[in-house]
Amino acid sequence: MERAWRKQSESVLNSKKLSFTILLMALVFNILFGFVRNPIAVENTLSWIGYDYPVGFIVWGTLTGAAYFINIFQIYNKFGYTGKIGTISLYAAPFMVVIVVLINDWGWEGIVHLIAALAFIALNGISLMTFLLKNFKKHICYKITLFIVALTLLGMIITYFAIDKSGLLELVPLLGGLVLIFFVNHTNFYPIVDKEEIVPKVKDKKKAAKLASCLGMFGADDFYLDRLPQGAGHLLITYIGVVICVVRFIGMGTINNINGESAAVFLAVGLSMLGGSAAWAIYNGAILSKAK
């Protein structure tokens, strides 16, 4: 049962049709949403647009975060990359998206939003850069790409201090990263060299069952069993549920200090996600308890 579950989840994440579709949707939406206002003008960032159009901003975050995660996940599997720094960065990036789209206001919320936005770009950048560095000496394509990425980032930093922030300073790395992962994941420009085979370790099912009963809502049992996608997904659902429950008390664009029916709807969404996370944990614990 466990092996079938793992294969099914990994097959979904490894679907090239899914990754290409989401990648294309993210590219189109980034362009259309990012150019709602003149991106060259100072302060016309995605965050400013998102403050006035929070629903569109949530769509942007969902598509962009999913496109990066699924495609880089597939790149790691395709090339057999197992670096810890890159893997941790890959799984941490989606958690930053939640903060970016749900905490976007003045005051302390603005600071948290900015830190999360920079962290999202940095974490995805690290996950790609570590992969490129790993293969740096194996083929000239990796060398050229790494040079272009480094030059682009340097140019953006110089531009930021020269003309202050603008929409283009966000769109350039986001669109550039999406284009890069398209060529790496969906073309044969980057050859596979010395692919590492991952040998799964045998884990204690009883210990996993105990983790599921105590910390299952945080994906502890999945992490212990080296089911990283399931564990990260479970933790993310709990995380999003908590944030949505308290979103009425924090800044989310024009949705701030809401009450009445609107607040009740947000609470219903958050509690539903937490209920689903709890049910997932109970199901995992029951299955693991029956396992020999």
C-alpha atoms as a PDB file:
ATOM      1  CA  MET A   1       0.000   0.000   0.000  1.00  0.00           C
ATOM      2  CA  GLU A   2       2.764   2.438   0.978  1.00  0.00           C
ATOM      3  CA  ARG A   3       4.801   1.732  -2.169  1.00  0.00           C
ATOM      4  CA  ALA A   4       1.722   2.174  -4.357  1.00  0.00           C
ATOM      5  CA  TRP A   5       0.922   5.476  -2.631  1.00  0.00           C
ATOM      6  CA  ARG A   6       4.483   6.703  -3.065  1.00  0.00           C
ATOM      7  CA  LYS A   7       4.580   5.738  -6.741  1.00  0.00           C
ATOM      8  CA  GLN A   8       1.222   7.397  -7.373  1.00  0.00           C
ATOM      9  CA  SER A   9       2.237  10.690  -5.740  1.00  0.00           C
ATOM     10  CA  GLU A  10       5.606  10.753  -7.467  1.00  0.00           C
ATOM     11  CA  SER A  11       4.021   9.924 -10.826  1.00  0.00           C
ATOM     12  CA  VAL A  12       1.756  12.979 -10.478  1.00  0.00           C
ATOM     13  CA  LEU A  13       4.673  15.270  -9.648  1.00  0.00           C
ATOM     14  CA  ASN A  14       6.726  13.731 -12.464  1.00  0.00           C
ATOM     15  CA  SER A  15       4.024  14.282 -15.081  1.00  0.00           C
ATOM     16  CA  LYS A  16       5.617  16.335 -17.862  1.00  0.00           C
ATOM     17  CA  LYS A  17       2.193  17.353 -19.139  1.00  0.00           C
ATOM     18  CA  LEU A  18       1.310  18.785 -15.746  1.00  0.00           C
ATOM     19  CA  SER A  19       4.612  20.624 -15.295  1.00  0.00           C
ATOM     20  CA  PHE A  20       4.553  22.063 -18.829  1.00  0.00           C
ATOM     21  CA  THR A  21       0.927  23.176 -18.513  1.00  0.00           C
ATOM     22  CA  ILE A  22       1.467  24.941 -15.185  1.00  0.00           C
ATOM     23  CA  LEU A  23       4.725  26.449 -16.449  1.00  0.00           C
ATOM     24  CA  LEU A  24       2.984  27.885 -19.507  1.00  0.00           C
ATOM     25  CA  MET A  25       0.113  29.219 -17.383  1.00  0.00           C
ATOM     26  CA  ALA A  26       2.595  30.852 -14.990  1.00  0.00           C
ATOM     27  CA  LEU A  27       4.487  32.486 -17.870  1.00  0.00           C
ATOM     28  CA  VAL A  28       1.324  33.901 -19.423  1.00  0.00           C
ATOM     29  CA  PHE A  29      -0.130  35.115 -16.127  1.00  0.00           C
ATOM     30  CA  ASN A  30       3.154  36.724 -15.016  1.00  0.00           C
ATOM     31  CA  ILE A  31       3.265  38.706 -18.252  1.00  0.00           C
ATOM     32  CA  LEU A  32      -0.392  39.734 -18.251  1.00  0.00           C
ATOM     33  CA  PHE A  33      -0.611  40.456 -14.510  1.00  0.00           C
ATOM     34  CA  GLY A  34       2.811  42.095 -14.387  1.00  0.00           C
ATOM     35  CA  PHE A  35       1.948  44.445 -17.252  1.00  0.00           C
ATOM     36  CA  VAL A  36      -1.428  45.558 -15.860  1.00  0.00           C
ATOM     37  CA  ARG A  37       0.535  48.682 -14.980  1.00  0.00           C
ATOM     38  CA  ASN A  38       3.696  50.047 -16.528  1.00  0.00           C
ATOM     39  CA  PRO A  39       6.407  47.804 -14.982  1.00  0.00           C
ATOM     40  CA  ILE A  40       9.149  50.348 -15.692  1.00  0.00           C
ATOM     41  CA  ALA A  41       7.615  52.927 -13.379  1.00  0.00           C
ATOM     42  CA  VAL A  42       8.954  53.041  -9.852  1.00  0.00           C
ATOM     43  CA  GLU A  43       6.812  51.156  -7.297  1.00  0.00           C
ATOM     44  CA  ASN A  44       4.697  49.399  -9.955  1.00  0.00           C
ATOM     45  CA  THR A  45       5.690  46.020  -8.582  1.00  0.00           C
ATOM     46  CA  LEU A  46       3.634  42.846  -8.494  1.00  0.00           C
ATOM     47  CA  SER A  47       3.042  43.503  -4.794  1.00  0.00           C
ATOM     48  CA  TRP A  48       1.506  46.912  -5.477  1.00  0.00           C
ATOM     49  CA  ILE A  49      -0.771  45.428  -8.120  1.00  0.00           C
ATOM     50  CA  GLY A  50      -1.558  42.568  -5.739  1.00  0.00           C
ATOM     51  CA  TYR A  51      -2.547  44.983  -2.978  1.00  0.00           C
ATOM     52  CA  ASP A  52      -5.378  46.314  -5.148  1.00  0.00           C
ATOM     53  CA  TYR A  53      -6.179  42.925  -6.706  1.00  0.00           C
ATOM     54  CA  PRO A  54      -5.592  40.331  -3.949  1.00  0.00           C
ATOM     55  CA  VAL A  55      -7.472  37.514  -5.706  1.00  0.00           C
ATOM     56  CA  GLY A  56      -5.320  37.925  -8.814  1.00  0.00           C
ATOM     57  CA  PHE A  57      -2.271  38.007  -6.564  1.00  0.00           C
ATOM     58  CA  ILE A  58      -3.258  34.677  -5.006  1.00  0.00           C
ATOM     59  CA  VAL A  59      -3.601  33.198  -8.509  1.00  0.00           C
ATOM     60  CA  TRP A  60      -0.169  34.596  -9.384  1.00  0.00           C
ATOM     61  CA  GLY A  61       1.430  33.078  -6.282  1.00  0.00           C
ATOM     62  CA  THR A  62      -0.242  29.699  -6.780  1.00  0.00           C
ATOM     63  CA  LEU A  63       0.767  29.365 -10.446  1.00  0.00           C
ATOM     64  CA  THR A  64       4.294  30.728 -10.032  1.00  0.00           C
ATOM     65  CA  GLY A  65       5.079  28.741  -6.889  1.00  0.00           C
ATOM     66  CA  ALA A  66       3.681  25.527  -8.388  1.00  0.00           C
ATOM     67  CA  ALA A  67       5.515  26.023 -11.701  1.00  0.00           C
ATOM     68  CA  TYR A  68       8.874  26.443  -9.977  1.00  0.00           C
ATOM     69  CA  PHE A  69       8.410  23.627  -7.483  1.00  0.00           C
ATOM     70  CA  ILE A  70       7.078  20.934  -9.834  1.00  0.00           C
ATOM     71  CA  ASN A  71       9.561  21.670 -12.619  1.00  0.00           C
ATOM     72  CA  ILE A  72      12.621  21.850 -10.360  1.00  0.00           C
ATOM     73  CA  PHE A  73      11.420  18.693  -8.606  1.00  0.00           C
ATOM     74  CA  GLN A  74      11.355  16.971 -11.990  1.00  0.00           C
ATOM     75  CA  ILE A  75      14.783  18.361 -12.888  1.00  0.00           C
ATOM     76  CA  TYR A  76      16.233  16.875  -9.709  1.00  0.00           C
ATOM     77  CA  ASN A  77      14.714  13.474 -10.516  1.00  0.00           C
ATOM     78  CA  LYS A  78      15.661  13.666 -14.191  1.00  0.00           C
ATOM     79  CA  PHE A  79      19.317  14.407 -13.482  1.00  0.00           C
ATOM     80  CA  GLY A  80      19.569  12.469 -10.212  1.00  0.00           C
ATOM     81  CA  TYR A  81      20.488  15.539  -8.168  1.00  0.00           C
ATOM     82  CA  THR A  82      20.394  14.893  -4.398  1.00  0.00           C
ATOM     83  CA  GLY A  83      22.126  17.950  -2.932  1.00  0.00           C
ATOM     84  CA  LYS A  84      20.797  18.838   0.538  1.00  0.00           C
ATOM     85  CA  ILE A  85      21.088  22.610   0.145  1.00  0.00           C
ATOM     86  CA  GLY A  86      19.186  22.601  -3.135  1.00  0.00           C
ATOM     87  CA  THR A  87      16.547  20.183  -1.852  1.00  0.00           C
ATOM     88  CA  ILE A  88      15.905  22.172   1.326  1.00  0.00           C
ATOM     89  CA  SER A  89      15.650  25.383  -0.715  1.00  0.00           C
ATOM     90  CA  LEU A  90      13.246  23.727  -3.156  1.00  0.00           C
ATOM     91  CA  TYR A  91      10.844  22.591  -0.422  1.00  0.00           C
ATOM     92  CA  ALA A  92      11.096  25.826   1.564  1.00  0.00           C
ATOM     93  CA  ALA A  93      10.200  28.129  -1.350  1.00  0.00           C
ATOM     94  CA  PRO A  94       6.419  27.343  -1.461  1.00  0.00           C
ATOM     95  CA  PHE A  95       6.094  28.343   2.208  1.00  0.00           C
ATOM     96  CA  MET A  96       7.387  31.804   1.309  1.00  0.00           C
ATOM     97  CA  VAL A  97       4.715  32.183  -1.396  1.00  0.00           C
ATOM     98  CA  VAL A  98       1.979  31.848   1.236  1.00  0.00           C
ATOM     99  CA  ILE A  99       3.405  34.782   3.200  1.00  0.00           C
ATOM    100  CA  VAL A 100       3.918  36.859   0.054  1.00  0.00           C
ATOM    101  CA  VAL A 101       0.310  36.614  -1.143  1.00  0.00           C
ATOM    102  CA  LEU A 102      -1.489  36.641   2.227  1.00  0.00           C
ATOM    103  CA  ILE A 103       0.559  39.277   4.075  1.00  0.00           C
ATOM    104  CA  ASN A 104       0.726  42.390   1.923  1.00  0.00           C
ATOM    105  CA  ASP A 105       0.067  45.675   3.677  1.00  0.00           C
ATOM    106  CA  TRP A 106       1.761  48.631   5.364  1.00  0.00           C
ATOM    107  CA  GLY A 107       3.686  48.518   8.639  1.00  0.00           C
ATOM    108  CA  TRP A 108       5.179  45.287   9.911  1.00  0.00           C
ATOM    109  CA  GLU A 109       3.231  43.343   7.283  1.00  0.00           C
ATOM    110  CA  GLY A 110       5.127  45.169   4.548  1.00  0.00           C
ATOM    111  CA  ILE A 111       8.470  44.190   6.048  1.00  0.00           C
ATOM    112  CA  VAL A 112       7.430  40.552   6.409  1.00  0.00           C
ATOM    113  CA  HIS A 113       6.092  40.595   2.851  1.00  0.00           C
ATOM    114  CA  LEU A 114       9.363  41.988   1.464  1.00  0.00           C
ATOM    115  CA  ILE A 115      11.486  39.444   3.340  1.00  0.00           C
ATOM    116  CA  ALA A 116       9.295  36.582   2.126  1.00  0.00           C
ATOM    117  CA  ALA A 117       9.405  37.840  -1.481  1.00  0.00           C
ATOM    118  CA  LEU A 118      13.193  38.058  -1.435  1.00  0.00           C
ATOM    119  CA  ALA A 119      13.374  34.636   0.232  1.00  0.00           C
ATOM    120  CA  PHE A 120      11.130  33.103  -2.450  1.00  0.00           C
ATOM    121  CA  ILE A 121      13.369  34.368  -5.252  1.00  0.00           C
ATOM    122  CA  ALA A 122      16.536  33.448  -3.339  1.00  0.00           C
ATOM    123  CA  LEU A 123      15.404  29.909  -2.454  1.00  0.00           C
ATOM    124  CA  ASN A 124      14.383  29.082  -6.013  1.00  0.00           C
ATOM    125  CA  GLY A 125      17.604  30.676  -7.227  1.00  0.00           C
ATOM    126  CA  ILE A 126      19.649  28.542  -4.831  1.00  0.00           C
ATOM    127  CA  SER A 127      17.841  25.367  -5.883  1.00  0.00           C
ATOM    128  CA  LEU A 128      18.719  26.109  -9.528  1.00  0.00           C
ATOM    129  CA  MET A 129      22.238  27.427  -8.888  1.00  0.00           C
ATOM    130  CA  THR A 130      23.287  24.426  -6.797  1.00  0.00           C
ATOM    131  CA  PHE A 131      22.086  22.117  -9.571  1.00  0.00           C
ATOM    132  CA  LEU A 132      24.053  24.083 -12.173  1.00  0.00           C
ATOM    133  CA  LEU A 133      27.170  24.143  -9.974  1.00  0.00           C
ATOM    134  CA  LYS A 134      26.928  20.381  -9.489  1.00  0.00           C
ATOM    135  CA  ASN A 135      27.113  19.912 -13.268  1.00  0.00           C
ATOM    136  CA  PHE A 136      29.380  22.888 -13.970  1.00  0.00           C
ATOM    137  CA  LYS A 137      32.364  20.852 -15.170  1.00  0.00           C
ATOM    138  CA  LYS A 138      30.325  18.260 -17.056  1.00  0.00           C
ATOM    139  CA  HIS A 139      29.110  20.280 -20.039  1.00  0.00           C
ATOM    140  CA  ILE A 140      29.500  23.766 -21.488  1.00  0.00           C
ATOM    141  CA  CYS A 141      25.720  24.387 -21.344  1.00  0.00           C
ATOM    142  CA  TYR A 142      25.864  24.482 -17.563  1.00  0.00           C
ATOM    143  CA  LYS A 143      28.798  26.903 -17.610  1.00  0.00           C
ATOM    144  CA  ILE A 144      27.111  29.301 -20.033  1.00  0.00           C
ATOM    145  CA  THR A 145      23.822  29.195 -18.119  1.00  0.00           C
ATOM    146  CA  LEU A 146      25.486  29.815 -14.758  1.00  0.00           C
ATOM    147  CA  PHE A 147      27.357  32.783 -16.233  1.00  0.00           C
ATOM    148  CA  ILE A 148      24.143  34.282 -17.668  1.00  0.00           C
ATOM    149  CA  VAL A 149      22.261  33.810 -14.384  1.00  0.00           C
ATOM    150  CA  ALA A 150      25.074  35.425 -12.360  1.00  0.00           C
ATOM    151  CA  LEU A 151      25.334  38.333 -14.836  1.00  0.00           C
ATOM    152  CA  THR A 152      21.559  38.891 -14.731  1.00  0.00           C
ATOM    153  CA  LEU A 153      21.478  38.959 -10.941  1.00  0.00           C
ATOM    154  CA  LEU A 154      24.417  41.398 -10.836  1.00  0.00           C
ATOM    155  CA  GLY A 155      22.708  43.665 -13.354  1.00  0.00           C
ATOM    156  CA  MET A 156      19.508  43.631 -11.315  1.00  0.00           C
ATOM    157  CA  ILE A 157      21.327  44.574  -8.113  1.00  0.00           C
ATOM    158  CA  ILE A 158      23.052  47.494  -9.851  1.00  0.00           C
ATOM    159  CA  THR A 159      19.760  48.602 -11.396  1.00  0.00           C
ATOM    160  CA  TYR A 160      17.988  48.418  -8.041  1.00  0.00           C
ATOM    161  CA  PHE A 161      20.436  50.794  -6.374  1.00  0.00           C
ATOM    162  CA  ALA A 162      20.504  53.060  -9.435  1.00  0.00           C
ATOM    163  CA  ILE A 163      16.772  53.563 -10.103  1.00  0.00           C
ATOM    164  CA  ASP A 164      15.027  52.036  -7.060  1.00  0.00           C
ATOM    165  CA  LYS A 165      12.654  49.080  -7.304  1.00  0.00           C
ATOM    166  CA  SER A 166      10.270  48.610 -10.201  1.00  0.00           C
ATOM    167  CA  GLY A 167       8.075  45.882 -11.635  1.00  0.00           C
ATOM    168  CA  LEU A 168      10.770  44.796 -14.061  1.00  0.00           C
ATOM    169  CA  LEU A 169      13.149  43.967 -11.209  1.00  0.00           C
ATOM    170  CA  GLU A 170      10.640  41.302 -10.155  1.00  0.00           C
ATOM    171  CA  LEU A 171       9.506  40.187 -13.596  1.00  0.00           C
ATOM    172  CA  VAL A 172      12.994  39.684 -15.061  1.00  0.00           C
ATOM    173  CA  PRO A 173      14.178  37.014 -12.579  1.00  0.00           C
ATOM    174  CA  LEU A 174      10.752  35.361 -12.382  1.00  0.00           C
ATOM    175  CA  LEU A 175      10.291  35.098 -16.162  1.00  0.00           C
ATOM    176  CA  GLY A 176      13.966  34.298 -16.703  1.00  0.00           C
ATOM    177  CA  GLY A 177      13.768  31.479 -14.173  1.00  0.00           C
ATOM    178  CA  LEU A 178      10.638  30.043 -15.788  1.00  0.00           C
ATOM    179  CA  VAL A 179      12.269  30.108 -19.219  1.00  0.00           C
ATOM    180  CA  LEU A 180      15.407  28.458 -17.821  1.00  0.00           C
ATOM    181  CA  ILE A 181      13.560  25.585 -16.170  1.00  0.00           C
ATOM    182  CA  PHE A 182      11.618  25.082 -19.401  1.00  0.00           C
ATOM    183  CA  PHE A 183      14.845  24.464 -21.346  1.00  0.00           C
ATOM    184  CA  VAL A 184      16.336  22.275 -18.612  1.00  0.00           C
ATOM    185  CA  ASN A 185      13.232  20.189 -17.953  1.00  0.00           C
ATOM    186  CA  HIS A 186      11.481  20.060 -21.313  1.00  0.00           C
ATOM    187  CA  THR A 187      14.320  20.012 -23.859  1.00  0.00           C
ATOM    188  CA  ASN A 188      17.520  18.033 -24.432  1.00  0.00           C
ATOM    189  CA  PHE A 189      19.882  21.011 -24.381  1.00  0.00           C
ATOM    190  CA  TYR A 190      21.234  19.928 -21.011  1.00  0.00           C
ATOM    191  CA  PRO A 191      22.708  16.400 -21.137  1.00  0.00           C
ATOM    192  CA  ILE A 192      22.307  13.941 -18.248  1.00  0.00           C
ATOM    193  CA  VAL A 193      25.776  12.979 -16.976  1.00  0.00           C
ATOM    194  CA  ASP A 194      26.603  10.561 -14.131  1.00  0.00           C
ATOM    195  CA  LYS A 195      23.065  10.278 -12.762  1.00  0.00           C
ATOM    196  CA  GLU A 196      23.026   9.257  -9.109  1.00  0.00           C
ATOM    197  CA  GLU A 197      20.700   6.444  -8.059  1.00  0.00           C
ATOM    198  CA  ILE A 198      18.794   7.017  -4.811  1.00  0.00           C
ATOM    199  CA  VAL A 199      18.591   3.915  -2.593  1.00  0.00           C
ATOM    200  CA  PRO A 200      15.630   4.120  -0.153  1.00  0.00           C
ATOM    201  CA  LYS A 201      16.351   3.338   3.511  1.00  0.00           C
ATOM    202  CA  VAL A 202      14.265   0.891   5.566  1.00  0.00           C
ATOM    203  CA  LYS A 203      12.342   2.730   8.294  1.00  0.00           C
ATOM    204  CA  ASP A 204      10.435   1.566  11.403  1.00  0.00           C
ATOM    205  CA  LYS A 205       6.679   1.637  10.647  1.00  0.00           C
ATOM    206  CA  LYS A 206       5.755   1.627  14.354  1.00  0.00           C
ATOM    207  CA  LYS A 207       7.789   4.769  14.946  1.00  0.00           C
ATOM    208  CA  ALA A 208       6.201   6.356  11.883  1.00  0.00           C
ATOM    209  CA  ALA A 209       2.732   5.489  13.256  1.00  0.00           C
ATOM    210  CA  LYS A 210       3.563   7.218  16.549  1.00  0.00           C
ATOM    211  CA  LEU A 211       4.763  10.296  14.674  1.00  0.00           C
ATOM    212  CA  ALA A 212       1.531  10.304  12.653  1.00  0.00           C
ATOM    213  CA  SER A 213      -0.572  10.224  15.832  1.00  0.00           C
ATOM    214  CA  CYS A 214       1.397  13.027  17.533  1.00  0.00           C
ATOM    215  CA  LEU A 215       2.764  15.247  14.777  1.00  0.00           C
ATOM    216  CA  GLY A 216       0.938  13.937  11.741  1.00  0.00           C
ATOM    217  CA  MET A 217      -0.584  17.310  10.845  1.00  0.00           C
ATOM    218  CA  PHE A 218       2.960  18.597  10.319  1.00  0.00           C
ATOM    219  CA  GLY A 219       3.919  15.712   8.025  1.00  0.00           C
ATOM    220  CA  ALA A 220       6.344  14.236  10.569  1.00  0.00           C
ATOM    221  CA  ASP A 221       5.649  10.614   9.605  1.00  0.00           C
ATOM    222  CA  ASP A 222       6.107  11.321   5.896  1.00  0.00           C
ATOM    223  CA  PHE A 223       9.366  13.159   6.505  1.00  0.00           C
ATOM    224  CA  TYR A 224      10.592  10.247   8.631  1.00  0.00           C
ATOM    225  CA  LEU A 225       9.728   7.777   5.858  1.00  0.00           C
ATOM    226  CA  ASP A 226      11.595   9.968   3.315  1.00  0.00           C
ATOM    227  CA  ARG A 227       8.348  10.827   1.548  1.00  0.00           C
ATOM    228  CA  LEU A 228       9.371  14.444   1.103  1.00  0.00           C
ATOM    229  CA  PRO A 229       6.634  15.535  -1.340  1.00  0.00           C
ATOM    230  CA  GLN A 230       3.884  14.127   0.885  1.00  0.00           C
ATOM    231  CA  GLY A 231       5.436  15.545   4.047  1.00  0.00           C
ATOM    232  CA  ALA A 232       5.929  18.995   2.547  1.00  0.00           C
ATOM    233  CA  GLY A 233       2.417  18.958   1.088  1.00  0.00           C
ATOM    234  CA  HIS A 234       0.890  17.948   4.419  1.00  0.00           C
ATOM    235  CA  LEU A 235       2.824  20.607   6.321  1.00  0.00           C
ATOM    236  CA  LEU A 236       1.911  23.208   3.696  1.00  0.00           C
ATOM    237  CA  ILE A 237      -1.816  22.491   4.036  1.00  0.00           C
ATOM    238  CA  THR A 238      -1.633  22.929   7.819  1.00  0.00           C
ATOM    239  CA  TYR A 239       0.465  26.059   7.396  1.00  0.00           C
ATOM    240  CA  ILE A 240      -1.924  27.648   4.888  1.00  0.00           C
ATOM    241  CA  GLY A 241      -4.920  26.715   7.044  1.00  0.00           C
ATOM    242  CA  VAL A 242      -3.475  28.526  10.066  1.00  0.00           C
ATOM    243  CA  VAL A 243      -2.531  31.625   8.044  1.00  0.00           C
ATOM    244  CA  ILE A 244      -5.991  31.859   6.442  1.00  0.00           C
ATOM    245  CA  CYS A 245      -7.642  31.549   9.867  1.00  0.00           C
ATOM    246  CA  VAL A 246      -5.782  34.641  11.081  1.00  0.00           C
ATOM    247  CA  VAL A 247      -5.757  36.549   7.774  1.00  0.00           C
ATOM    248  CA  ARG A 248      -8.485  38.908   9.047  1.00  0.00           C
ATOM    249  CA  PHE A 249      -5.992  40.193  11.632  1.00  0.00           C
ATOM    250  CA  ILE A 250      -3.116  40.733   9.192  1.00  0.00           C
ATOM    251  CA  GLY A 251      -2.748  42.747   6.015  1.00  0.00           C
ATOM    252  CA  MET A 252      -3.821  41.155   2.745  1.00  0.00           C
ATOM    253  CA  GLY A 253      -4.155  43.957   0.278  1.00  0.00           C
ATOM    254  CA  THR A 254      -7.613  45.530   0.341  1.00  0.00           C
ATOM    255  CA  ILE A 255      -8.765  42.609   2.518  1.00  0.00           C
ATOM    256  CA  ASN A 256      -7.786  43.928   5.922  1.00  0.00           C
ATOM    257  CA  ASN A 257      -9.652  44.072   9.236  1.00  0.00           C
ATOM    258  CA  ILE A 258     -12.594  42.290   7.647  1.00  0.00           C
ATOM    259  CA  ASN A 259     -15.561  41.153   9.720  1.00  0.00           C
ATOM    260  CA  GLY A 260     -19.009  39.649   9.416  1.00  0.00           C
ATOM    261  CA  GLU A 261     -19.635  37.208   6.564  1.00  0.00           C
ATOM    262  CA  SER A 262     -16.267  37.834   4.887  1.00  0.00           C
ATOM    263  CA  ALA A 263     -14.392  36.933   8.064  1.00  0.00           C
ATOM    264  CA  ALA A 264     -16.593  33.860   8.501  1.00  0.00           C
ATOM    265  CA  VAL A 265     -15.745  32.688   4.971  1.00  0.00           C
ATOM    266  CA  PHE A 266     -12.014  32.991   5.598  1.00  0.00           C
ATOM    267  CA  LEU A 267     -12.384  31.128   8.889  1.00  0.00           C
ATOM    268  CA  ALA A 268     -14.388  28.394   7.149  1.00  0.00           C
ATOM    269  CA  VAL A 269     -11.670  27.934   4.535  1.00  0.00           C
ATOM    270  CA  GLY A 270      -8.904  27.815   7.138  1.00  0.00           C
ATOM    271  CA  LEU A 271     -10.697  25.389   9.436  1.00  0.00           C
ATOM    272  CA  SER A 272     -11.612  23.161   6.492  1.00  0.00           C
ATOM    273  CA  MET A 273      -7.956  22.904   5.516  1.00  0.00           C
ATOM    274  CA  LEU A 274      -6.954  22.127   9.108  1.00  0.00           C
ATOM    275  CA  GLY A 275      -9.707  19.498   9.271  1.00  0.00           C
ATOM    276  CA  GLY A 276      -8.430  17.940   6.060  1.00  0.00           C
ATOM    277  CA  SER A 277      -4.892  17.923   7.427  1.00  0.00           C
ATOM    278  CA  ALA A 278      -6.093  16.182  10.610  1.00  0.00           C
ATOM    279  CA  ALA A 279      -7.981  13.574   8.563  1.00  0.00           C
ATOM    280  CA  TRP A 280      -4.842  12.953   6.499  1.00  0.00           C
ATOM    281  CA  ALA A 281      -2.836  12.401   9.679  1.00  0.00           C
ATOM    282  CA  ILE A 282      -5.435   9.980  11.083  1.00  0.00           C
ATOM    283  CA  TYR A 283      -5.497   8.047   7.816  1.00  0.00           C
ATOM    284  CA  ASN A 284      -1.700   7.801   7.737  1.00  0.00           C
ATOM    285  CA  GLY A 285      -1.620   6.607  11.334  1.00  0.00           C
ATOM    286  CA  ALA A 286      -4.242   3.911  10.659  1.00  0.00           C
ATOM    287  CA  ILE A 287      -2.406   2.602   7.593  1.00  0.00           C
ATOM    288  CA  LEU A 288       0.973   2.605   9.328  1.00  0.00           C
ATOM    289  CA  SER A 289      -0.447   0.852  12.398  1.00  0.00           C
ATOM    290  CA  LYS A 290      -1.637  -2.036  10.208  1.00  0.00           C
ATOM    291  CA  ALA A 291       1.679  -2.265   8.343  1.00  0.00           C
ATOM    292  CA  LYS A 292       4.000  -5.093   9.335  1.00  0.00           C
END
